[in-house]
C-alpha atoms as a PDB file:
ATOM      1  CA  MET A   1      25.176  52.678 -99.957  1.00  0.00           C
ATOM      2  CA  ASP A   2      24.934  55.235-103.270  1.00  0.00           C
ATOM      3  CA  ALA A   3      21.824  56.759-101.531  1.00  0.00           C
ATOM      4  CA  TYR A   4      23.258  57.035 -98.047  1.00  0.00           C
ATOM      5  CA  ALA A   5      26.145  59.179 -99.013  1.00  0.00           C
ATOM      6  CA  SER A   6      23.664  61.049-101.286  1.00  0.00           C
ATOM      7  CA  LEU A   7      21.645  61.927 -98.351  1.00  0.00           C
ATOM      8  CA  ARG A   8      24.626  62.628 -95.807  1.00  0.00           C
ATOM      9  CA  ALA A   9      26.030  65.187 -98.544  1.00  0.00           C
ATOM     10  CA  GLY A  10      23.018  66.941 -99.008  1.00  0.00           C
ATOM     11  CA  TYR A  11      22.777  67.276 -94.699  1.00  0.00           C
ATOM     12  CA  PRO A  12      26.126  67.313 -93.668  1.00  0.00           C
ATOM     13  CA  GLN A  13      24.867  68.277 -90.086  1.00  0.00           C
ATOM     14  CA  ALA A  14      21.551  66.619 -90.012  1.00  0.00           C
ATOM     15  CA  HIS A  15      20.832  63.909 -87.494  1.00  0.00           C
ATOM     16  CA  ILE A  16      19.937  60.702 -89.787  1.00  0.00           C
ATOM     17  CA  ALA A  17      18.254  57.791 -88.661  1.00  0.00           C
ATOM     18  CA  VAL A  18      17.803  54.358 -90.533  1.00  0.00           C
ATOM     19  CA  LEU A  19      14.852  52.235 -90.003  1.00  0.00           C
ATOM     20  CA  THR A  20      15.990  48.667 -90.593  1.00  0.00           C
ATOM     21  CA  THR A  21      15.088  44.896 -89.105  1.00  0.00           C
ATOM     22  CA  PRO A  22      17.561  43.162 -86.295  1.00  0.00           C
ATOM     23  CA  PRO A  23      19.658  41.322 -88.919  1.00  0.00           C
ATOM     24  CA  PHE A  24      20.831  44.674 -90.659  1.00  0.00           C
ATOM     25  CA  ALA A  25      21.681  46.510 -87.456  1.00  0.00           C
ATOM     26  CA  GLY A  26      24.967  45.945 -87.102  1.00  0.00           C
ATOM     27  CA  LEU A  27      26.019  46.606 -90.837  1.00  0.00           C
ATOM     28  CA  PHE A  28      24.000  49.743 -90.607  1.00  0.00           C
ATOM     29  CA  ALA A  29      25.925  50.527 -86.966  1.00  0.00           C
ATOM     30  CA  ALA A  30      28.995  50.244 -88.793  1.00  0.00           C
ATOM     31  CA  MET A  31      28.206  52.375 -91.470  1.00  0.00           C
ATOM     32  CA  PRO A  32      29.599  56.824 -91.364  1.00  0.00           C
ATOM     33  CA  TRP A  33      26.256  58.139 -92.734  1.00  0.00           C
ATOM     34  CA  PHE A  34      23.749  57.455 -89.701  1.00  0.00           C
ATOM     35  CA  ASP A  35      23.562  58.947 -86.342  1.00  0.00           C
ATOM     36  CA  GLU A  36      20.957  56.266 -85.264  1.00  0.00           C
ATOM     37  CA  VAL A  37      19.705  52.732 -86.363  1.00  0.00           C
ATOM     38  CA  VAL A  38      15.940  52.055 -85.259  1.00  0.00           C
ATOM     39  CA  ILE A  39      14.356  48.684 -85.369  1.00  0.00           C
ATOM     40  CA  ASP A  40      11.270  47.650 -87.432  1.00  0.00           C
ATOM     41  CA  HIS A  41      10.269  44.140 -86.079  1.00  0.00           C
ATOM     42  CA  ARG A  42       7.890  44.340 -89.025  1.00  0.00           C
ATOM     43  CA  ALA A  43       4.884  43.011 -86.837  1.00  0.00           C
ATOM     44  CA  ALA A  44       1.486  41.857 -88.230  1.00  0.00           C
ATOM     45  CA  VAL A  45      -0.786  45.299 -89.074  1.00  0.00           C
ATOM     46  CA  GLY A  46      -2.818  43.664 -86.192  1.00  0.00           C
ATOM     47  CA  ASN A  47      -0.095  43.794 -83.467  1.00  0.00           C
ATOM     48  CA  LEU A  48      -1.363  47.211 -82.061  1.00  0.00           C
ATOM     49  CA  ARG A  49       2.166  47.523 -79.666  1.00  0.00           C
ATOM     50  CA  GLN A  50       4.345  47.160 -82.448  1.00  0.00           C
ATOM     51  CA  MET A  51       2.047  49.768 -84.614  1.00  0.00           C
ATOM     52  CA  PHE A  52       2.107  52.316 -81.982  1.00  0.00           C
ATOM     53  CA  ARG A  53       5.984  52.116 -81.482  1.00  0.00           C
ATOM     54  CA  ILE A  54       6.072  52.680 -85.064  1.00  0.00           C
ATOM     55  CA  ARG A  55       3.720  55.569 -84.825  1.00  0.00           C
ATOM     56  CA  THR A  56       5.717  57.037 -81.500  1.00  0.00           C
ATOM     57  CA  LEU A  57       8.973  57.045 -83.901  1.00  0.00           C
ATOM     58  CA  LEU A  58       7.396  58.794 -86.459  1.00  0.00           C
ATOM     59  CA  HIS A  59       6.022  61.520 -84.298  1.00  0.00           C
ATOM     60  CA  ARG A  60       9.003  62.412 -83.052  1.00  0.00           C
ATOM     61  CA  GLY A  61       9.654  65.431 -85.149  1.00  0.00           C
ATOM     62  CA  TRP A  62      11.529  64.572 -87.946  1.00  0.00           C
ATOM     63  CA  SER A  63      11.819  67.565 -91.129  1.00  0.00           C
ATOM     64  CA  GLN A  64      11.650  64.330 -93.803  1.00  0.00           C
ATOM     65  CA  VAL A  65      11.049  60.758 -94.463  1.00  0.00           C
ATOM     66  CA  VAL A  66      13.223  59.127 -97.354  1.00  0.00           C
ATOM     67  CA  ASP A  67      11.219  56.117 -98.165  1.00  0.00           C
ATOM     68  CA  LEU A  68      13.690  54.099-100.267  1.00  0.00           C
ATOM     69  CA  GLN A  69      11.853  50.765 -99.850  1.00  0.00           C
ATOM     70  CA  CYS A  70       8.725  51.628-101.328  1.00  0.00           C
ATOM     71  CA  SER A  71       6.454  48.762-100.074  1.00  0.00           C
ATOM     72  CA  ASN A  72       3.171  48.231 -99.139  1.00  0.00           C
ATOM     73  CA  ARG A  73       4.352  47.922 -95.552  1.00  0.00           C
ATOM     74  CA  THR A  74       6.019  51.669 -95.840  1.00  0.00           C
ATOM     75  CA  GLN A  75       2.796  53.170 -97.297  1.00  0.00           C
ATOM     76  CA  THR A  76       1.027  51.485 -94.420  1.00  0.00           C
ATOM     77  CA  TYR A  77       3.096  53.849 -92.387  1.00  0.00           C
ATOM     78  CA  GLN A  78       2.762  56.790 -94.261  1.00  0.00           C
ATOM     79  CA  ARG A  79      -0.891  56.391 -94.401  1.00  0.00           C
ATOM     80  CA  PHE A  80      -1.673  55.392 -90.651  1.00  0.00           C
ATOM     81  CA  LEU A  81       0.790  56.295 -88.629  1.00  0.00           C
ATOM     82  CA  ALA A  82       2.558  59.017 -89.809  1.00  0.00           C
ATOM     83  CA  PRO A  83       1.868  62.955 -89.174  1.00  0.00           C
ATOM     84  CA  HIS A  84      -0.117  64.582 -92.022  1.00  0.00           C
ATOM     85  CA  ASP A  85       2.122  67.261 -92.452  1.00  0.00           C
ATOM     86  CA  LEU A  86       5.107  65.048 -92.276  1.00  0.00           C
ATOM     87  CA  ARG A  87       7.131  65.551 -95.600  1.00  0.00           C
ATOM     88  CA  TRP A  88       7.388  61.899 -97.170  1.00  0.00           C
ATOM     89  CA  VAL A  89       9.610  61.281-100.314  1.00  0.00           C
ATOM     90  CA  GLY A  90       8.289  57.965-101.713  1.00  0.00           C
ATOM     91  CA  THR A  91       5.889  56.185-104.149  1.00  0.00           C
ATOM     92  CA  ALA A  92       3.085  56.261-101.188  1.00  0.00           C
ATOM     93  CA  PRO A  93      -0.298  57.513-102.357  1.00  0.00           C
ATOM     94  CA  GLY A  94      -0.372  60.295 -99.887  1.00  0.00           C
ATOM     95  CA  ALA A  95       3.521  61.404-100.386  1.00  0.00           C
ATOM     96  CA  SER A  96       3.983  64.971-100.274  1.00  0.00           C
ATOM     97  CA  ASP A  97       7.055  64.140-102.689  1.00  0.00           C
ATOM     98  CA  ARG A  98       5.670  61.428-104.796  1.00  0.00           C
ATOM     99  CA  LEU A  99       8.704  59.541-106.693  1.00  0.00           C
ATOM    100  CA  PRO A 100       7.398  58.767-110.350  1.00  0.00           C
ATOM    101  CA  ASP A 101       6.813  55.365-111.665  1.00  0.00           C
ATOM    102  CA  LEU A 102       9.915  53.639-111.547  1.00  0.00           C
ATOM    103  CA  SER A 103       9.257  50.468-112.922  1.00  0.00           C
ATOM    104  CA  GLY A 104      12.095  48.777-114.972  1.00  0.00           C
ATOM    105  CA  VAL A 105      14.804  51.113-113.133  1.00  0.00           C
ATOM    106  CA  ASN A 106      17.511  49.499-111.692  1.00  0.00           C
ATOM    107  CA  ASN A 107      17.381  49.452-107.979  1.00  0.00           C
ATOM    108  CA  VAL A 108      20.251  51.432-107.281  1.00  0.00           C
ATOM    109  CA  ARG A 109      19.426  54.091-109.497  1.00  0.00           C
ATOM    110  CA  ARG A 110      15.993  54.135-107.984  1.00  0.00           C
ATOM    111  CA  MET A 111      17.211  54.766-104.376  1.00  0.00           C
ATOM    112  CA  THR A 112      19.678  57.453-105.451  1.00  0.00           C
ATOM    113  CA  MET A 113      16.561  59.719-107.239  1.00  0.00           C
ATOM    114  CA  ALA A 114      14.778  59.093-104.143  1.00  0.00           C
ATOM    115  CA  ALA A 115      17.570  60.525-101.913  1.00  0.00           C
ATOM    116  CA  GLU A 116      18.102  63.560-104.594  1.00  0.00           C
ATOM    117  CA  THR A 117      14.598  64.354-104.535  1.00  0.00           C
ATOM    118  CA  ALA A 118      15.084  64.717-100.740  1.00  0.00           C
ATOM    119  CA  GLY A 119      17.735  66.871-101.105  1.00  0.00           C
ATOM    120  CA  GLY A 120      20.794  64.908-101.228  1.00  0.00           C
ATOM    121  CA  VAL A 121      23.836  65.241-103.553  1.00  0.00           C
ATOM    122  CA  ALA A 122      23.846  63.536-106.948  1.00  0.00           C
ATOM    123  CA  GLY A 123      26.900  61.499-107.960  1.00  0.00           C
ATOM    124  CA  ALA A 124      28.193  61.294-104.205  1.00  0.00           C
ATOM    125  CA  ILE A 125      30.772  58.600-103.747  1.00  0.00           C
ATOM    126  CA  PRO A 126      30.316  56.511-100.982  1.00  0.00           C
ATOM    127  CA  ASP A 127      33.446  56.201 -98.661  1.00  0.00           C
ATOM    128  CA  LEU A 128      34.213  52.697 -97.782  1.00  0.00           C
ATOM    129  CA  ASP A 129      37.004  53.185 -95.489  1.00  0.00           C
ATOM    130  CA  TRP A 130      34.973  51.898 -92.774  1.00  0.00           C
ATOM    131  CA  LEU A 131      35.239  48.174 -93.637  1.00  0.00           C
ATOM    132  CA  ALA A 132      38.711  48.400 -92.912  1.00  0.00           C
ATOM    133  CA  GLU A 133      37.606  48.660 -89.329  1.00  0.00           C
ATOM    134  CA  VAL A 134      35.580  45.563 -89.357  1.00  0.00           C
ATOM    135  CA  LYS A 135      37.214  42.111 -87.943  1.00  0.00           C
ATOM    136  CA  LEU A 136      37.128  39.472 -89.828  1.00  0.00           C
ATOM    137  CA  PRO A 137      35.814  36.033 -88.473  1.00  0.00           C
ATOM    138  CA  GLY A 138      38.452  33.883 -86.281  1.00  0.00           C
ATOM    139  CA  LEU A 139      38.128  31.210 -88.864  1.00  0.00           C
ATOM    140  CA  LEU A 140      39.257  32.960 -91.511  1.00  0.00           C
ATOM    141  CA  ALA A 141      42.574  34.294 -89.769  1.00  0.00           C
ATOM    142  CA  SER A 142      43.400  30.669 -88.510  1.00  0.00           C
ATOM    143  CA  THR A 143      43.367  29.529 -91.901  1.00  0.00           C
ATOM    144  CA  GLY A 144      46.391  31.541 -92.589  1.00  0.00           C
ATOM    145  CA  ILE A 145      44.147  33.257 -95.481  1.00  0.00           C
ATOM    146  CA  GLU A 146      44.905  36.947 -95.001  1.00  0.00           C
ATOM    147  CA  GLY A 147      46.931  39.564 -97.297  1.00  0.00           C
ATOM    148  CA  PRO A 148      47.974  38.313-100.578  1.00  0.00           C
ATOM    149  CA  ARG A 149      46.335  35.148-100.392  1.00  0.00           C
ATOM    150  CA  LEU A 150      42.986  36.540 -99.474  1.00  0.00           C
ATOM    151  CA  ALA A 151      43.462  38.955-102.357  1.00  0.00           C
ATOM    152  CA  ARG A 152      42.918  36.304-104.379  1.00  0.00           C
ATOM    153  CA  THR A 153      40.214  34.232-102.984  1.00  0.00           C
ATOM    154  CA  LEU A 154      37.040  33.443-104.674  1.00  0.00           C
ATOM    155  CA  VAL A 155      33.960  33.809-102.306  1.00  0.00           C
ATOM    156  CA  LEU A 156      30.888  32.022-102.983  1.00  0.00           C
ATOM    157  CA  VAL A 157      27.190  32.945-102.408  1.00  0.00           C
ATOM    158  CA  PRO A 158      25.163  29.833-103.289  1.00  0.00           C
ATOM    159  CA  GLY A 159      21.996  30.502-101.432  1.00  0.00           C
ATOM    160  CA  CYS A 160      19.155  33.061-101.922  1.00  0.00           C
ATOM    161  CA  SER A 161      15.655  33.814-100.275  1.00  0.00           C
ATOM    162  CA  PRO A 162      13.793  30.360 -99.569  1.00  0.00           C
ATOM    163  CA  ALA A 163      10.798  31.945-101.078  1.00  0.00           C
ATOM    164  CA  LYS A 164      13.025  31.761-104.696  1.00  0.00           C
ATOM    165  CA  PRO A 165      14.801  28.494-105.487  1.00  0.00           C
ATOM    166  CA  SER A 166      14.652  28.555-108.804  1.00  0.00           C
ATOM    167  CA  LYS A 167      17.131  31.851-108.705  1.00  0.00           C
ATOM    168  CA  ARG A 168      19.722  29.273-107.638  1.00  0.00           C
ATOM    169  CA  TRP A 169      22.392  28.278-109.995  1.00  0.00           C
ATOM    170  CA  PRO A 170      22.754  24.314-109.083  1.00  0.00           C
ATOM    171  CA  ALA A 171      25.282  23.164-106.325  1.00  0.00           C
ATOM    172  CA  ALA A 172      27.045  21.365-108.643  1.00  0.00           C
ATOM    173  CA  CYS A 173      28.356  24.121-110.739  1.00  0.00           C
ATOM    174  CA  PHE A 174      29.506  26.002-107.446  1.00  0.00           C
ATOM    175  CA  ALA A 175      31.354  23.290-106.470  1.00  0.00           C
ATOM    176  CA  ALA A 176      32.591  22.784-110.082  1.00  0.00           C
ATOM    177  CA  LEU A 177      33.469  26.666-109.959  1.00  0.00           C
ATOM    178  CA  ALA A 178      35.159  25.842-106.664  1.00  0.00           C
ATOM    179  CA  ASN A 179      37.381  22.734-107.752  1.00  0.00           C
ATOM    180  CA  LEU A 180      38.461  24.961-111.059  1.00  0.00           C
ATOM    181  CA  ALA A 181      39.511  27.731-108.795  1.00  0.00           C
ATOM    182  CA  MET A 182      41.520  25.603-106.373  1.00  0.00           C
ATOM    183  CA  ALA A 183      42.961  23.907-109.333  1.00  0.00           C
ATOM    184  CA  GLN A 184      44.638  27.045-109.762  1.00  0.00           C
ATOM    185  CA  GLY A 185      45.875  27.629-106.848  1.00  0.00           C
ATOM    186  CA  ARG A 186      43.459  29.837-105.210  1.00  0.00           C
ATOM    187  CA  ASP A 187      41.498  29.669-102.054  1.00  0.00           C
ATOM    188  CA  VAL A 188      37.642  29.201-102.033  1.00  0.00           C
ATOM    189  CA  VAL A 189      35.224  30.154 -99.480  1.00  0.00           C
ATOM    190  CA  ILE A 190      31.497  29.803 -99.101  1.00  0.00           C
ATOM    191  CA  VAL A 191      29.550  32.344 -97.338  1.00  0.00           C
ATOM    192  CA  GLY A 192      25.854  32.314 -96.117  1.00  0.00           C
ATOM    193  CA  THR A 193      23.136  32.687 -93.566  1.00  0.00           C
ATOM    194  CA  VAL A 194      22.092  29.813 -91.320  1.00  0.00           C
ATOM    195  CA  ALA A 195      19.262  29.485 -93.909  1.00  0.00           C
ATOM    196  CA  ASP A 196      21.900  28.471 -96.654  1.00  0.00           C
ATOM    197  CA  ARG A 197      22.905  25.810 -94.647  1.00  0.00           C
ATOM    198  CA  GLY A 198      21.609  23.283 -97.179  1.00  0.00           C
ATOM    199  CA  ALA A 199      22.858  25.015-100.147  1.00  0.00           C
ATOM    200  CA  GLY A 200      26.305  25.120 -98.678  1.00  0.00           C
ATOM    201  CA  ASP A 201      26.242  21.541 -98.189  1.00  0.00           C
ATOM    202  CA  ALA A 202      25.538  20.749-101.303  1.00  0.00           C
ATOM    203  CA  VAL A 203      28.401  22.596-102.441  1.00  0.00           C
ATOM    204  CA  LEU A 204      30.508  21.370 -99.902  1.00  0.00           C
ATOM    205  CA  ASP A 205      29.740  17.255-100.814  1.00  0.00           C
ATOM    206  CA  ASP A 206      31.572  17.916-104.182  1.00  0.00           C
ATOM    207  CA  ALA A 207      34.016  20.625-103.058  1.00  0.00           C
ATOM    208  CA  PRO A 208      35.058  19.592 -99.915  1.00  0.00           C
ATOM    209  CA  ASP A 209      38.203  21.299 -99.705  1.00  0.00           C
ATOM    210  CA  CYS A 210      36.189  25.160 -99.625  1.00  0.00           C
ATOM    211  CA  ILE A 211      36.631  27.158 -96.406  1.00  0.00           C
ATOM    212  CA  ASP A 212      32.778  27.115 -94.628  1.00  0.00           C
ATOM    213  CA  LEU A 213      31.664  30.135 -93.101  1.00  0.00           C
ATOM    214  CA  ILE A 214      28.156  29.733 -93.426  1.00  0.00           C
ATOM    215  CA  GLY A 215      26.342  30.991 -90.668  1.00  0.00           C
ATOM    216  CA  GLN A 216      29.818  32.191 -89.227  1.00  0.00           C
ATOM    217  CA  THR A 217      29.585  36.131 -90.263  1.00  0.00           C
ATOM    218  CA  ASP A 218      27.306  39.224 -89.768  1.00  0.00           C
ATOM    219  CA  LEU A 219      26.835  41.349 -92.878  1.00  0.00           C
ATOM    220  CA  ALA A 220      29.421  43.896 -91.511  1.00  0.00           C
ATOM    221  CA  GLN A 221      31.983  41.258 -91.629  1.00  0.00           C
ATOM    222  CA  LEU A 222      30.430  39.804 -94.857  1.00  0.00           C
ATOM    223  CA  ALA A 223      31.073  43.045 -96.571  1.00  0.00           C
ATOM    224  CA  CYS A 224      34.886  43.599 -95.059  1.00  0.00           C
ATOM    225  CA  LEU A 225      35.402  39.766 -96.237  1.00  0.00           C
ATOM    226  CA  PHE A 226      34.135  40.636 -99.435  1.00  0.00           C
ATOM    227  CA  ALA A 227      36.005  43.900-100.025  1.00  0.00           C
ATOM    228  CA  ARG A 228      39.165  42.126 -99.276  1.00  0.00           C
ATOM    229  CA  SER A 229      38.743  39.024-101.488  1.00  0.00           C
ATOM    230  CA  GLY A 230      39.795  38.360-105.247  1.00  0.00           C
ATOM    231  CA  GLY A 231      36.219  38.240-106.302  1.00  0.00           C
ATOM    232  CA  VAL A 232      32.559  37.010-105.652  1.00  0.00           C
ATOM    233  CA  VAL A 233      30.184  34.634-107.717  1.00  0.00           C
ATOM    234  CA  GLY A 234      26.512  34.111-106.188  1.00  0.00           C
ATOM    235  CA  ASN A 235      22.811  34.248-107.014  1.00  0.00           C
ATOM    236  CA  ASP A 236      20.613  36.941-107.274  1.00  0.00           C
ATOM    237  CA  THR A 237      20.534  37.854-103.704  1.00  0.00           C
ATOM    238  CA  GLY A 238      21.306  40.694-101.309  1.00  0.00           C
ATOM    239  CA  PRO A 239      25.177  39.507-100.378  1.00  0.00           C
ATOM    240  CA  VAL A 240      26.161  39.863-104.032  1.00  0.00           C
ATOM    241  CA  PHE A 241      24.770  43.084-104.401  1.00  0.00           C
ATOM    242  CA  LEU A 242      26.916  44.418-101.649  1.00  0.00           C
ATOM    243  CA  ALA A 243      29.899  42.628-102.796  1.00  0.00           C
ATOM    244  CA  ALA A 244      29.113  44.746-106.082  1.00  0.00           C
ATOM    245  CA  ARG A 245      29.379  47.805-104.363  1.00  0.00           C
ATOM    246  CA  ALA A 246      32.315  47.117-102.270  1.00  0.00           C
ATOM    247  CA  GLY A 247      34.530  47.262-105.367  1.00  0.00           C
ATOM    248  CA  VAL A 248      35.441  43.481-105.755  1.00  0.00           C
ATOM    249  CA  PRO A 249      34.849  41.376-109.031  1.00  0.00           C
ATOM    250  CA  THR A 250      31.162  40.585-108.402  1.00  0.00           C
ATOM    251  CA  LEU A 251      29.236  37.955-110.711  1.00  0.00           C
ATOM    252  CA  MET A 252      25.448  37.403-110.491  1.00  0.00           C
ATOM    253  CA  VAL A 253      24.446  34.454-112.352  1.00  0.00           C
ATOM    254  CA  MET A 254      20.630  34.744-113.382  1.00  0.00           C
ATOM    255  CA  GLY A 255      17.672  33.065-115.014  1.00  0.00           C
ATOM    256  CA  ARG A 256      14.154  33.940-115.987  1.00  0.00           C
ATOM    257  CA  ASP A 257      13.531  34.979-112.437  1.00  0.00           C
ATOM    258  CA  THR A 258      15.757  38.273-112.655  1.00  0.00           C
ATOM    259  CA  ASN A 259      15.217  41.119-114.827  1.00  0.00           C
ATOM    260  CA  PRO A 260      18.463  42.639-115.417  1.00  0.00           C
ATOM    261  CA  ASP A 261      17.370  46.116-116.192  1.00  0.00           C
ATOM    262  CA  MET A 262      16.111  45.897-112.514  1.00  0.00           C
ATOM    263  CA  SER A 263      18.094  43.847-110.596  1.00  0.00           C
ATOM    264  CA  ALA A 264      21.895  43.767-111.962  1.00  0.00           C
ATOM    265  CA  PRO A 265      24.420  44.760-109.791  1.00  0.00           C
ATOM    266  CA  VAL A 266      25.864  48.261-109.837  1.00  0.00           C
ATOM    267  CA  GLY A 267      29.734  48.451-108.903  1.00  0.00           C
ATOM    268  CA  ALA A 268      33.060  49.459-110.643  1.00  0.00           C
ATOM    269  CA  ARG A 269      33.783  45.590-111.384  1.00  0.00           C
ATOM    270  CA  ALA A 270      30.154  44.015-111.358  1.00  0.00           C
ATOM    271  CA  GLY A 271      28.783  42.039-113.778  1.00  0.00           C
ATOM    272  CA  TRP A 272      26.252  39.536-114.493  1.00  0.00           C
ATOM    273  CA  ILE A 273      25.326  36.198-117.039  1.00  0.00           C
ATOM    274  CA  HIS A 274      21.250  35.798-117.859  1.00  0.00           C
ATOM    275  CA  ARG A 275      19.991  32.677-119.367  1.00  0.00           C
ATOM    276  CA  GLU A 276      16.444  31.822-119.764  1.00  0.00           C
ATOM    277  CA  SER A 277      17.514  28.645-117.499  1.00  0.00           C
ATOM    278  CA  ILE A 278      20.000  29.470-114.692  1.00  0.00           C
ATOM    279  CA  THR A 279      21.449  25.778-115.715  1.00  0.00           C
ATOM    280  CA  GLU A 280      22.730  26.697-118.848  1.00  0.00           C
ATOM    281  CA  VAL A 281      25.503  29.185-117.113  1.00  0.00           C
ATOM    282  CA  SER A 282      28.607  26.732-117.292  1.00  0.00           C
ATOM    283  CA  PRO A 283      31.178  26.946-114.582  1.00  0.00           C
ATOM    284  CA  ASP A 284      34.008  27.647-116.906  1.00  0.00           C
ATOM    285  CA  GLU A 285      31.951  30.500-118.238  1.00  0.00           C
ATOM    286  CA  ALA A 286      31.538  32.185-114.700  1.00  0.00           C
ATOM    287  CA  LEU A 287      34.923  31.581-113.796  1.00  0.00           C
ATOM    288  CA  ALA A 288      36.194  33.227-116.922  1.00  0.00           C
ATOM    289  CA  ALA A 289      33.799  36.152-116.581  1.00  0.00           C
ATOM    290  CA  VAL A 290      34.503  36.966-113.197  1.00  0.00           C
ATOM    291  CA  ASP A 291      38.562  37.039-113.890  1.00  0.00           C
ATOM    292  CA  ARG A 292      38.107  39.547-116.636  1.00  0.00           C
ATOM    293  CA  LEU A 293      36.012  41.601-114.182  1.00  0.00           C
END
């Protein structure tokens, strides 16, 4: 969001489009920094129909492309599908404005550096008022958790990428944390995608009084829920970064698979606990840490 705000501040009258995948389209459509959301289905390179679609998109007459992902896929787009004279800010070997080696640089700073190279304004502060326009899930409203009560609610993110299960703090630890918070009179909500169903159920087995919103929020609703809650605790996964940027007290639990230098959450009240083994982080320690934030 810092990079998006930077670009919009640098180009207040420009038509700015964002290329993203279907799960993120709703979130980007709710943001105030973009005029258009374009979908990339991330098809295999051999899918000529989709490759031609991306080529057509890149030949629409853009003044520049700002590559915030800097992946092998976007390098392929730059090399084979984009016009040779199109300004391209990124790490692709053929980029006109090639970024330096950003190994070890926090992901937020990496993206703002790209935005500033493209003409964005340094230090632009993202306006998050748009989150107030998002409606929360009906299930949450039916529980009566709103206003001051929601402001004390703890939101847990027990899932993460299926490709990295070792990044998950054990479900028993999330459950113990939830029970500690509920013993203090706080409500606890568990969130995630349908892919996180197993991780969420494992927490609910030992903390059945949690409110289960897994698979019931889109990303815009999730951002809104985070912004209005009292705190968020989760693994090294996308929603935790979203919570951190929303300004809510946010704690990321990390093990050996996460490098805090690159992947620590960034926000006014964001923090993390890092141990060689993620199982060494105790629920009491986590609750105390998020409360300090």
